[in-house]
N, C-alpha and C. Protein backbone atom coordinates (compact mmCIF):
# COMPACT_ATOMS: atom_id res chain seq x y z
N MET A 1 -97.98 143.84 -9.91
CA MET A 1 -99.41 143.77 -9.84
C MET A 1 -99.82 143.52 -8.39
N PRO A 2 -100.68 144.34 -7.81
CA PRO A 2 -101.08 144.14 -6.42
C PRO A 2 -101.90 142.88 -6.24
N ARG A 3 -101.72 142.28 -5.09
CA ARG A 3 -102.46 141.05 -4.81
C ARG A 3 -103.85 141.40 -4.32
N LEU A 4 -104.81 140.63 -4.75
CA LEU A 4 -106.18 140.81 -4.29
C LEU A 4 -106.34 140.18 -2.92
N PRO A 5 -107.21 140.73 -2.09
CA PRO A 5 -107.42 140.11 -0.78
C PRO A 5 -108.00 138.71 -0.95
N ARG A 6 -107.55 137.82 -0.11
CA ARG A 6 -108.03 136.44 -0.19
C ARG A 6 -109.36 136.32 0.53
N LYS A 7 -110.21 135.50 -0.04
CA LYS A 7 -111.49 135.22 0.60
C LYS A 7 -111.26 134.25 1.74
N PRO A 8 -111.95 134.43 2.85
CA PRO A 8 -111.78 133.46 3.93
C PRO A 8 -112.31 132.09 3.51
N VAL A 9 -111.60 131.07 3.90
CA VAL A 9 -111.99 129.70 3.59
C VAL A 9 -112.99 129.25 4.65
N ARG A 10 -114.08 128.70 4.23
CA ARG A 10 -115.12 128.28 5.15
C ARG A 10 -115.06 126.77 5.38
N GLY A 11 -115.74 126.34 6.41
CA GLY A 11 -115.87 124.91 6.69
C GLY A 11 -114.66 124.37 7.42
N VAL A 12 -114.46 123.07 7.27
CA VAL A 12 -113.37 122.39 7.97
C VAL A 12 -112.00 122.92 7.56
N PRO A 13 -111.73 123.12 6.26
CA PRO A 13 -110.41 123.65 5.90
C PRO A 13 -110.15 125.03 6.52
N GLY A 14 -111.17 125.86 6.59
CA GLY A 14 -111.00 127.18 7.19
C GLY A 14 -110.73 127.09 8.68
N ALA A 15 -111.42 126.17 9.35
CA ALA A 15 -111.21 126.00 10.78
C ALA A 15 -109.80 125.49 11.07
N VAL A 16 -109.32 124.57 10.26
CA VAL A 16 -107.97 124.04 10.43
C VAL A 16 -106.94 125.14 10.17
N ALA A 17 -107.14 125.91 9.11
CA ALA A 17 -106.21 127.00 8.80
C ALA A 17 -106.20 128.04 9.93
N ALA A 18 -107.36 128.36 10.46
CA ALA A 18 -107.44 129.33 11.55
C ALA A 18 -106.75 128.81 12.80
N THR A 19 -106.92 127.53 13.11
CA THR A 19 -106.27 126.93 14.27
C THR A 19 -104.75 126.98 14.13
N LEU A 20 -104.26 126.62 12.94
CA LEU A 20 -102.82 126.66 12.71
C LEU A 20 -102.28 128.09 12.82
N ALA A 21 -103.02 129.06 12.31
CA ALA A 21 -102.59 130.46 12.40
C ALA A 21 -102.54 130.92 13.86
N ARG A 22 -103.54 130.53 14.66
CA ARG A 22 -103.55 130.91 16.08
C ARG A 22 -102.39 130.26 16.81
N ARG A 23 -102.09 129.02 16.53
CA ARG A 23 -100.97 128.34 17.19
C ARG A 23 -99.63 128.97 16.80
N ARG A 24 -99.48 129.33 15.53
CA ARG A 24 -98.25 129.99 15.07
C ARG A 24 -98.10 131.34 15.79
N GLU A 25 -99.18 132.08 15.91
CA GLU A 25 -99.15 133.37 16.60
C GLU A 25 -98.81 133.19 18.08
N ALA A 26 -99.31 132.12 18.70
CA ALA A 26 -99.05 131.87 20.12
C ALA A 26 -97.58 131.54 20.36
N ARG A 27 -96.91 130.93 19.38
CA ARG A 27 -95.50 130.57 19.54
C ARG A 27 -94.56 131.71 19.21
N ALA A 28 -95.06 132.77 18.62
CA ALA A 28 -94.20 133.89 18.22
C ALA A 28 -93.65 134.58 19.46
N PRO A 29 -92.38 134.97 19.42
CA PRO A 29 -91.82 135.69 20.57
C PRO A 29 -92.52 137.03 20.74
N ARG A 30 -92.69 137.42 21.98
CA ARG A 30 -93.31 138.71 22.26
C ARG A 30 -92.64 139.32 23.47
N VAL A 31 -92.69 140.62 23.53
CA VAL A 31 -92.12 141.37 24.64
C VAL A 31 -93.24 142.21 25.24
N VAL A 32 -93.40 142.09 26.55
CA VAL A 32 -94.40 142.89 27.26
C VAL A 32 -93.67 143.66 28.36
N LEU A 33 -93.73 144.97 28.27
CA LEU A 33 -93.14 145.84 29.29
C LEU A 33 -94.25 146.35 30.19
N ARG A 34 -93.94 146.57 31.44
CA ARG A 34 -94.92 147.13 32.37
C ARG A 34 -94.45 148.51 32.80
N ASP A 35 -95.39 149.46 32.80
CA ASP A 35 -95.03 150.80 33.24
C ASP A 35 -95.09 150.87 34.77
N ARG A 36 -94.85 152.02 35.33
CA ARG A 36 -94.80 152.16 36.79
C ARG A 36 -96.13 151.80 37.45
N GLY A 37 -97.21 151.98 36.73
CA GLY A 37 -98.53 151.63 37.27
C GLY A 37 -98.84 150.16 37.15
N GLY A 38 -97.97 149.38 36.50
CA GLY A 38 -98.18 147.95 36.35
C GLY A 38 -98.98 147.57 35.10
N ARG A 39 -99.29 148.56 34.27
CA ARG A 39 -100.06 148.27 33.05
C ARG A 39 -99.13 147.70 31.99
N PRO A 40 -99.51 146.57 31.38
CA PRO A 40 -98.66 145.97 30.35
C PRO A 40 -98.71 146.76 29.05
N ARG A 41 -97.57 146.81 28.37
CA ARG A 41 -97.47 147.44 27.05
C ARG A 41 -96.71 146.49 26.13
N PRO A 42 -97.41 145.81 25.23
CA PRO A 42 -96.72 144.88 24.34
C PRO A 42 -95.92 145.62 23.26
N LEU A 43 -94.77 145.08 22.93
CA LEU A 43 -93.94 145.60 21.85
C LEU A 43 -93.93 144.57 20.73
N GLY A 44 -94.09 145.02 19.52
CA GLY A 44 -93.99 144.11 18.38
C GLY A 44 -92.54 143.78 18.10
N VAL A 45 -92.21 142.51 18.14
CA VAL A 45 -90.81 142.09 17.99
C VAL A 45 -90.32 142.35 16.57
N GLY A 46 -91.18 142.22 15.59
CA GLY A 46 -90.75 142.36 14.21
C GLY A 46 -90.29 143.75 13.82
N GLU A 47 -90.91 144.78 14.38
CA GLU A 47 -90.59 146.13 13.94
C GLU A 47 -89.79 146.94 14.94
N ASP A 48 -89.59 146.45 16.14
CA ASP A 48 -88.95 147.26 17.18
C ASP A 48 -87.57 146.68 17.53
N PRO A 49 -86.49 147.41 17.26
CA PRO A 49 -85.15 146.88 17.56
C PRO A 49 -84.92 146.69 19.06
N VAL A 50 -85.55 147.50 19.91
CA VAL A 50 -85.42 147.32 21.35
C VAL A 50 -86.05 145.99 21.77
N ALA A 51 -87.21 145.69 21.22
CA ALA A 51 -87.87 144.43 21.53
C ALA A 51 -87.03 143.24 21.06
N GLN A 52 -86.41 143.37 19.89
CA GLN A 52 -85.56 142.30 19.39
C GLN A 52 -84.37 142.07 20.31
N ALA A 53 -83.79 143.15 20.83
CA ALA A 53 -82.67 143.02 21.76
C ALA A 53 -83.11 142.37 23.07
N LEU A 54 -84.31 142.69 23.54
CA LEU A 54 -84.84 142.08 24.77
C LEU A 54 -85.08 140.59 24.58
N VAL A 55 -85.62 140.20 23.43
CA VAL A 55 -85.84 138.78 23.15
C VAL A 55 -84.51 138.04 23.10
N LYS A 56 -83.51 138.63 22.47
CA LYS A 56 -82.17 138.01 22.39
C LYS A 56 -81.58 137.84 23.79
N ALA A 57 -81.70 138.87 24.63
CA ALA A 57 -81.19 138.78 25.99
C ALA A 57 -81.92 137.69 26.78
N ALA A 58 -83.22 137.59 26.60
CA ALA A 58 -83.99 136.56 27.30
C ALA A 58 -83.57 135.17 26.83
N GLU A 59 -83.35 135.01 25.53
CA GLU A 59 -82.90 133.71 25.02
C GLU A 59 -81.54 133.35 25.59
N ASP A 60 -80.64 134.32 25.71
CA ASP A 60 -79.32 134.07 26.30
C ASP A 60 -79.43 133.66 27.77
N LEU A 61 -80.32 134.32 28.51
CA LEU A 61 -80.53 133.96 29.93
C LEU A 61 -81.08 132.55 30.06
N ILE A 62 -82.03 132.20 29.20
CA ILE A 62 -82.60 130.85 29.27
C ILE A 62 -81.54 129.82 28.93
N SER A 63 -80.72 130.08 27.92
CA SER A 63 -79.65 129.15 27.54
C SER A 63 -78.65 128.98 28.69
N ALA A 64 -78.30 130.07 29.35
CA ALA A 64 -77.36 130.00 30.46
C ALA A 64 -77.94 129.19 31.61
N ALA A 65 -79.22 129.36 31.89
CA ALA A 65 -79.86 128.62 32.97
C ALA A 65 -79.94 127.12 32.64
N GLN A 66 -80.20 126.80 31.39
CA GLN A 66 -80.28 125.39 31.00
C GLN A 66 -78.92 124.72 31.02
N ARG A 67 -77.85 125.48 30.77
CA ARG A 67 -76.51 124.92 30.81
C ARG A 67 -76.02 124.76 32.25
N GLY A 68 -76.67 125.45 33.18
CA GLY A 68 -76.18 125.41 34.55
C GLY A 68 -75.00 126.32 34.73
N SER A 69 -74.99 127.42 34.00
CA SER A 69 -73.88 128.36 34.02
C SER A 69 -73.73 128.98 35.42
N THR A 70 -72.50 129.12 35.88
CA THR A 70 -72.23 129.75 37.17
C THR A 70 -71.69 131.16 36.99
N ALA A 71 -71.69 131.64 35.75
CA ALA A 71 -71.14 132.97 35.47
C ALA A 71 -72.07 134.07 35.89
């Protein structure tokens, strides 16, 4: 059975829910590539395997820097 669209919650509970959703979105990993002209092009990490590989590589670089790796 298909789900019906949810009605937006109004008032204080709606504001709190919206704030939490914005903060969750802000913490989500994202990949932004720049073309030769310098224009940013965001890639969705969830659906793009190239973006997922870039996020993994970035996490590995950050981990190596935090460890003080000399490799």
